[in-house]
N, C-alpha and C. Protein backbone atom coordinates (compact mmCIF):
# COMPACT_ATOMS: atom_id res chain seq x y z
N MET A 1 42.09 -31.27 -52.64
CA MET A 1 41.37 -30.27 -52.42
C MET A 1 39.84 -30.48 -52.35
N HIS A 2 39.09 -29.74 -51.83
CA HIS A 2 37.53 -29.55 -52.09
C HIS A 2 37.12 -28.00 -52.13
N LEU A 3 36.97 -27.91 -53.33
CA LEU A 3 36.60 -26.24 -53.82
C LEU A 3 34.77 -26.24 -53.54
N LYS A 4 34.40 -25.47 -53.24
CA LYS A 4 32.88 -25.00 -53.05
C LYS A 4 32.79 -23.35 -53.13
N ARG A 5 32.05 -23.31 -54.48
CA ARG A 5 32.00 -22.14 -55.03
C ARG A 5 30.69 -21.26 -53.82
N PHE A 6 31.08 -19.89 -53.50
CA PHE A 6 30.24 -19.13 -52.95
C PHE A 6 28.75 -19.47 -53.38
N ASP A 7 28.43 -19.30 -54.90
CA ASP A 7 27.03 -19.77 -55.09
C ASP A 7 26.38 -21.05 -55.37
N ASP A 8 27.70 -21.91 -54.84
CA ASP A 8 26.91 -23.22 -54.70
C ASP A 8 26.54 -23.21 -53.05
N ALA A 9 27.07 -22.70 -52.24
CA ALA A 9 26.58 -22.80 -50.44
C ALA A 9 25.13 -23.01 -50.10
N LEU A 10 24.67 -23.99 -49.58
CA LEU A 10 23.46 -23.90 -49.17
C LEU A 10 23.02 -23.26 -47.90
N PRO A 11 21.96 -22.86 -47.92
CA PRO A 11 21.17 -22.12 -46.71
C PRO A 11 20.84 -23.27 -45.40
N TYR A 12 21.08 -22.74 -44.23
CA TYR A 12 20.88 -23.55 -43.15
C TYR A 12 20.01 -22.97 -42.13
N GLU A 13 19.05 -23.29 -41.31
CA GLU A 13 18.67 -23.09 -40.08
C GLU A 13 19.09 -23.29 -39.06
N ALA A 14 19.55 -21.87 -38.33
CA ALA A 14 20.48 -22.53 -37.04
C ALA A 14 19.32 -22.13 -35.98
N PRO A 15 19.23 -23.21 -35.09
CA PRO A 15 18.43 -23.28 -34.05
C PRO A 15 18.66 -21.82 -32.85
N ASN A 16 17.51 -21.32 -32.55
CA ASN A 16 17.40 -20.03 -31.41
C ASN A 16 18.23 -18.77 -31.97
N HIS A 17 18.09 -18.57 -33.92
CA HIS A 17 18.50 -17.54 -34.36
C HIS A 17 17.42 -16.95 -34.71
N PHE A 18 17.64 -15.64 -35.00
CA PHE A 18 16.32 -15.00 -35.31
C PHE A 18 16.99 -13.46 -36.59
N GLY A 19 16.23 -13.19 -37.41
CA GLY A 19 17.05 -12.13 -38.25
C GLY A 19 18.23 -12.45 -38.56
N CYS A 20 18.17 -13.75 -39.02
CA CYS A 20 19.82 -14.37 -39.65
C CYS A 20 19.58 -15.34 -41.07
N HIS A 21 20.15 -14.97 -41.84
CA HIS A 21 20.40 -16.02 -43.06
C HIS A 21 21.72 -16.74 -43.23
N GLY A 22 21.67 -18.16 -42.75
CA GLY A 22 23.12 -18.85 -42.80
C GLY A 22 23.17 -19.61 -44.12
N LEU A 23 24.64 -19.46 -44.48
CA LEU A 23 24.81 -20.51 -45.88
C LEU A 23 25.97 -21.45 -45.23
N ARG A 24 26.15 -22.44 -45.61
CA ARG A 24 27.10 -23.43 -45.25
C ARG A 24 28.22 -23.45 -46.37
N LEU A 25 29.42 -22.78 -45.67
CA LEU A 25 30.46 -22.63 -47.04
C LEU A 25 31.07 -24.20 -47.19
N GLN A 26 31.35 -24.57 -45.79
CA GLN A 26 32.06 -25.79 -46.21
C GLN A 26 31.56 -27.00 -44.96
N GLY A 27 31.36 -28.16 -45.05
CA GLY A 27 31.28 -29.41 -44.27
C GLY A 27 30.01 -29.89 -44.50
N PHE A 28 29.77 -31.05 -43.69
CA PHE A 28 28.64 -32.05 -44.08
C PHE A 28 28.75 -32.41 -45.39
N GLU A 29 29.50 -32.79 -46.15
CA GLU A 29 29.60 -33.03 -47.76
C GLU A 29 31.09 -34.17 -47.86
N GLU A 30 30.74 -34.72 -48.73
CA GLU A 30 31.90 -35.57 -49.58
C GLU A 30 32.91 -34.96 -49.83
N GLY A 31 34.23 -35.14 -49.33
CA GLY A 31 35.32 -34.67 -49.53
C GLY A 31 35.48 -33.53 -48.62
N GLY A 32 34.38 -32.72 -48.08
CA GLY A 32 35.09 -31.60 -47.29
C GLY A 32 35.71 -31.94 -46.18
N PRO A 33 35.55 -30.84 -45.07
CA PRO A 33 36.53 -31.26 -44.13
C PRO A 33 35.74 -32.25 -42.96
N THR A 34 36.99 -32.90 -41.93
CA THR A 34 36.62 -33.71 -41.52
C THR A 34 36.40 -33.52 -40.12
N ASN A 35 36.64 -32.41 -39.55
CA ASN A 35 36.62 -32.30 -38.35
C ASN A 35 35.76 -30.73 -37.81
N GLN A 36 35.26 -29.89 -38.91
CA GLN A 36 34.42 -28.81 -38.43
C GLN A 36 33.84 -28.63 -39.66
N TRP A 37 33.04 -27.54 -39.38
CA TRP A 37 32.28 -26.89 -40.72
C TRP A 37 32.21 -25.34 -40.84
N ILE A 38 32.22 -24.46 -41.65
CA ILE A 38 32.05 -22.95 -41.69
C ILE A 38 30.60 -22.61 -42.31
N GLY A 39 30.22 -21.83 -41.53
CA GLY A 39 29.07 -21.18 -41.66
C GLY A 39 29.44 -19.65 -42.03
N PHE A 40 28.38 -18.88 -42.75
CA PHE A 40 28.37 -17.47 -43.05
C PHE A 40 26.92 -17.30 -42.81
N SER A 41 27.25 -16.24 -41.78
CA SER A 41 26.00 -15.57 -41.33
C SER A 41 25.59 -14.46 -41.56
N GLN A 42 24.85 -14.24 -42.28
CA GLN A 42 24.21 -13.08 -42.41
C GLN A 42 23.40 -12.14 -41.22
N PHE A 43 23.01 -11.25 -40.34
CA PHE A 43 22.52 -10.92 -39.55
C PHE A 43 21.61 -9.41 -39.83
N LEU A 44 20.48 -9.58 -39.91
CA LEU A 44 20.09 -8.05 -40.16
C LEU A 44 19.73 -7.26 -38.82
N PRO A 45 19.61 -5.82 -39.07
CA PRO A 45 19.67 -5.01 -37.61
C PRO A 45 18.55 -5.81 -37.19
N GLY A 46 18.69 -6.10 -35.46
CA GLY A 46 17.82 -6.63 -34.71
C GLY A 46 18.25 -7.90 -34.35
N GLY A 47 18.84 -8.58 -35.45
CA GLY A 47 18.82 -10.18 -35.37
C GLY A 47 20.01 -10.73 -34.45
N GLY A 48 19.57 -11.75 -34.04
CA GLY A 48 20.78 -12.03 -33.39
C GLY A 48 20.58 -13.47 -32.69
N ALA A 49 21.02 -14.53 -31.80
CA ALA A 49 20.71 -15.07 -31.20
C ALA A 49 21.21 -15.57 -29.78
N GLY A 50 20.16 -16.60 -29.20
CA GLY A 50 20.60 -16.80 -28.05
C GLY A 50 19.41 -16.55 -27.11
N PRO A 51 19.65 -16.58 -25.58
CA PRO A 51 20.64 -17.25 -24.88
C PRO A 51 20.62 -18.89 -25.34
N ASP A 52 21.91 -19.13 -25.68
CA ASP A 52 22.43 -20.61 -25.31
C ASP A 52 23.62 -21.23 -25.29
N SER A 53 23.68 -22.10 -25.27
CA SER A 53 24.99 -22.77 -25.37
C SER A 53 25.44 -23.76 -26.21
N THR A 54 26.63 -24.66 -26.68
CA THR A 54 26.44 -25.82 -27.09
C THR A 54 27.62 -26.59 -26.41
N PRO A 55 27.87 -27.92 -26.52
CA PRO A 55 28.72 -28.84 -25.82
C PRO A 55 30.37 -28.69 -26.44
N PHE A 56 30.59 -28.09 -27.64
CA PHE A 56 31.58 -27.82 -27.94
C PHE A 56 31.81 -26.45 -28.55
N GLU A 57 33.20 -26.21 -28.50
CA GLU A 57 33.64 -24.42 -28.73
C GLU A 57 33.30 -24.47 -30.27
N LYS A 58 33.40 -22.64 -30.32
CA LYS A 58 32.94 -22.17 -31.85
C LYS A 58 33.72 -21.03 -31.61
N VAL A 59 33.76 -20.74 -32.70
CA VAL A 59 34.85 -19.36 -33.21
C VAL A 59 33.82 -18.47 -33.91
N TYR A 60 33.87 -17.36 -33.77
CA TYR A 60 32.98 -16.09 -34.54
C TYR A 60 34.23 -15.11 -34.96
N ILE A 61 34.06 -14.85 -36.54
CA ILE A 61 34.59 -13.96 -37.06
C ILE A 61 33.94 -13.14 -38.04
N VAL A 62 33.93 -11.70 -37.00
CA VAL A 62 32.95 -10.62 -37.81
C VAL A 62 33.94 -10.20 -39.29
N LEU A 63 33.15 -10.08 -40.63
CA LEU A 63 33.62 -9.61 -41.68
C LEU A 63 33.32 -8.27 -42.22
N GLU A 64 32.08 -7.95 -41.67
CA GLU A 64 31.38 -6.72 -42.16
C GLU A 64 30.63 -6.44 -40.90
N GLY A 65 30.53 -4.99 -40.74
CA GLY A 65 29.49 -4.61 -39.53
C GLY A 65 29.69 -5.00 -38.08
N GLU A 66 28.77 -5.21 -37.08
CA GLU A 66 29.63 -5.17 -35.88
C GLU A 66 28.57 -6.07 -35.08
N MET A 67 28.73 -6.71 -33.86
CA MET A 67 28.08 -7.91 -33.63
C MET A 67 28.27 -7.59 -31.68
N THR A 68 26.96 -7.43 -31.26
CA THR A 68 27.24 -7.44 -29.10
C THR A 68 26.94 -8.69 -29.28
N LEU A 69 28.02 -9.16 -28.37
CA LEU A 69 28.40 -10.65 -27.45
C LEU A 69 28.16 -10.21 -26.12
N ILE A 70 27.06 -11.15 -25.53
CA ILE A 70 26.96 -10.84 -23.84
C ILE A 70 27.49 -12.33 -23.39
N VAL A 71 28.03 -12.42 -22.64
CA VAL A 71 28.47 -13.42 -22.12
C VAL A 71 28.96 -13.30 -20.68
N ASP A 72 27.97 -13.71 -19.62
CA ASP A 72 28.18 -13.61 -18.07
C ASP A 72 27.95 -12.12 -17.56
N GLY A 73 27.07 -11.77 -18.47
CA GLY A 73 26.77 -10.26 -18.14
C GLY A 73 27.21 -9.22 -18.75
N ILE A 74 28.42 -9.47 -19.77
CA ILE A 74 29.34 -8.68 -19.65
C ILE A 74 29.17 -8.59 -21.51
N GLU A 75 29.18 -7.14 -21.98
CA GLU A 75 28.97 -7.01 -23.54
C GLU A 75 30.22 -6.47 -23.95
N THR A 76 30.25 -7.28 -25.19
CA THR A 76 31.25 -6.76 -25.84
C THR A 76 30.99 -6.63 -27.31
N VAL A 77 31.43 -5.68 -27.79
CA VAL A 77 31.21 -5.40 -29.78
C VAL A 77 32.21 -6.14 -30.51
N LEU A 78 31.93 -6.74 -30.99
CA LEU A 78 33.17 -7.35 -32.23
C LEU A 78 32.93 -6.47 -33.14
N GLY A 79 33.85 -5.91 -33.77
CA GLY A 79 33.70 -5.10 -34.99
C GLY A 79 34.65 -5.93 -36.28
N ARG A 80 34.79 -5.40 -37.53
CA ARG A 80 35.18 -6.02 -38.70
C ARG A 80 36.58 -6.56 -38.22
N PHE A 81 36.76 -7.80 -38.40
CA PHE A 81 37.92 -8.81 -38.60
C PHE A 81 38.15 -8.97 -36.82
N ASP A 82 37.32 -8.73 -35.75
CA ASP A 82 37.55 -9.33 -34.95
C ASP A 82 36.95 -10.57 -34.58
N SER A 83 37.40 -11.22 -34.06
CA SER A 83 37.03 -12.92 -33.37
C SER A 83 36.84 -13.14 -32.19
N CYS A 84 36.44 -14.07 -31.73
CA CYS A 84 36.35 -14.88 -30.75
C CYS A 84 35.84 -16.36 -30.46
N THR A 85 36.34 -16.88 -29.55
CA THR A 85 36.07 -18.24 -29.10
C THR A 85 35.27 -18.67 -28.26
N ILE A 86 34.11 -18.92 -28.08
CA ILE A 86 33.11 -19.45 -27.07
C ILE A 86 33.01 -20.81 -26.75
N ALA A 87 33.71 -20.76 -25.51
CA ALA A 87 34.11 -21.90 -24.86
C ALA A 87 32.71 -23.05 -24.95
N PRO A 88 33.11 -24.25 -24.88
CA PRO A 88 32.13 -25.62 -24.56
C PRO A 88 30.99 -24.97 -23.14
N ASP A 89 29.63 -25.08 -23.65
CA ASP A 89 28.85 -25.03 -22.47
C ASP A 89 29.00 -23.72 -22.01
N GLU A 90 29.31 -22.42 -22.58
CA GLU A 90 29.57 -21.39 -22.54
C GLU A 90 28.31 -20.46 -22.93
N GLU A 91 27.24 -20.10 -21.99
CA GLU A 91 25.95 -19.57 -22.43
C GLU A 91 26.27 -18.28 -23.19
N ARG A 92 25.91 -17.70 -24.48
CA ARG A 92 26.01 -16.35 -25.04
C ARG A 92 24.58 -16.04 -25.31
N VAL A 93 24.92 -14.48 -25.89
CA VAL A 93 23.67 -14.16 -26.41
C VAL A 93 24.50 -13.26 -27.39
N ILE A 94 23.89 -13.08 -28.90
CA ILE A 94 24.77 -11.92 -29.65
C ILE A 94 23.63 -11.26 -30.07
N GLU A 95 23.88 -10.13 -30.49
CA GLU A 95 22.95 -8.87 -31.06
C GLU A 95 23.49 -8.03 -31.84
N ASN A 96 22.82 -7.82 -32.91
CA ASN A 96 23.31 -6.88 -34.08
C ASN A 96 22.40 -5.49 -33.70
N ARG A 97 23.23 -4.81 -33.14
CA ARG A 97 22.57 -3.53 -32.49
C ARG A 97 22.52 -2.35 -33.23
N SER A 98 23.46 -2.61 -34.59
CA SER A 98 23.32 -1.78 -35.61
C SER A 98 22.68 -1.63 -36.45
N ASN A 99 22.54 -0.62 -37.67
CA ASN A 99 21.63 -0.52 -38.58
C ASN A 99 21.97 -0.93 -39.66
N HIS A 100 23.15 -1.83 -39.89
CA HIS A 100 23.75 -2.41 -40.61
C HIS A 100 23.83 -3.92 -40.79
N VAL A 101 23.65 -4.67 -41.62
CA VAL A 101 23.94 -6.26 -41.92
C VAL A 101 25.25 -6.38 -40.95
N CYS A 102 25.26 -7.50 -39.98
CA CYS A 102 26.78 -8.19 -39.91
C CYS A 102 26.64 -9.21 -40.73
N LYS A 103 28.00 -9.17 -40.82
CA LYS A 103 28.38 -10.49 -41.72
C LYS A 103 29.46 -11.39 -40.86
N MET A 104 29.32 -12.57 -40.42
CA MET A 104 30.15 -13.26 -39.60
C MET A 104 30.18 -14.64 -40.39
N LEU A 105 31.93 -15.08 -39.99
CA LEU A 105 32.06 -16.69 -40.33
C LEU A 105 32.04 -17.41 -38.87
N VAL A 106 31.34 -18.68 -39.27
CA VAL A 106 31.33 -19.17 -37.54
C VAL A 106 31.79 -21.02 -38.19
N VAL A 107 32.84 -21.13 -37.09
CA VAL A 107 33.78 -22.55 -37.12
C VAL A 107 33.38 -23.05 -36.14
N ILE A 108 32.78 -24.60 -36.43
CA ILE A 108 31.99 -25.27 -35.62
C ILE A 108 32.37 -26.70 -35.71
N PRO A 109 33.02 -27.72 -34.59
CA PRO A 109 33.52 -28.71 -34.95
C PRO A 109 31.88 -29.45 -34.95
N TYR A 110 31.84 -30.66 -35.54
CA TYR A 110 31.15 -31.67 -35.80
C TYR A 110 30.31 -32.10 -34.61
N PRO A 111 28.88 -32.54 -34.71
CA PRO A 111 28.58 -32.84 -33.01
C PRO A 111 28.95 -34.33 -33.03
N PRO A 112 29.59 -34.76 -31.75
CA PRO A 112 29.95 -36.29 -31.78
C PRO A 112 29.16 -37.13 -32.05
N LYS A 113 29.70 -38.24 -32.73
CA LYS A 113 28.63 -39.22 -33.61
C LYS A 113 28.07 -40.37 -32.29
C-alpha cells in the first residue's frame, strides 16, 4: 500500500489552466501508482482550462461546485459527484461559471515514455 496524506500533496502547474490550484494526490513518486496519476484541482470562480486536448484520455470527477464542459460546441454542466471521460485528442474547454470554488479530481495516465 502507498499512503499519501492530503497535507503532503504537492502543488503542480497544469498547462493552459487559469484560476486553478492543483495538488498531486498520487503519482510520479516511488511506490505510487504505475499507470496513472490523480490530481485535485480547485478552480476559482472564472477559472478554467483550454481549449486544448491531450493524446490520452482523462477522467474528471466534480466533488464540489460545478464546472461547465464544452466539447464540439456542446456545453454540459457537471455538478457534485458527476464525472466524465475526455477521449484522447478530444478538444475541450472547462469553465467555472459559478461564484463558488469548484473542486475536481482528475485521473490521467502517465505520458508515454
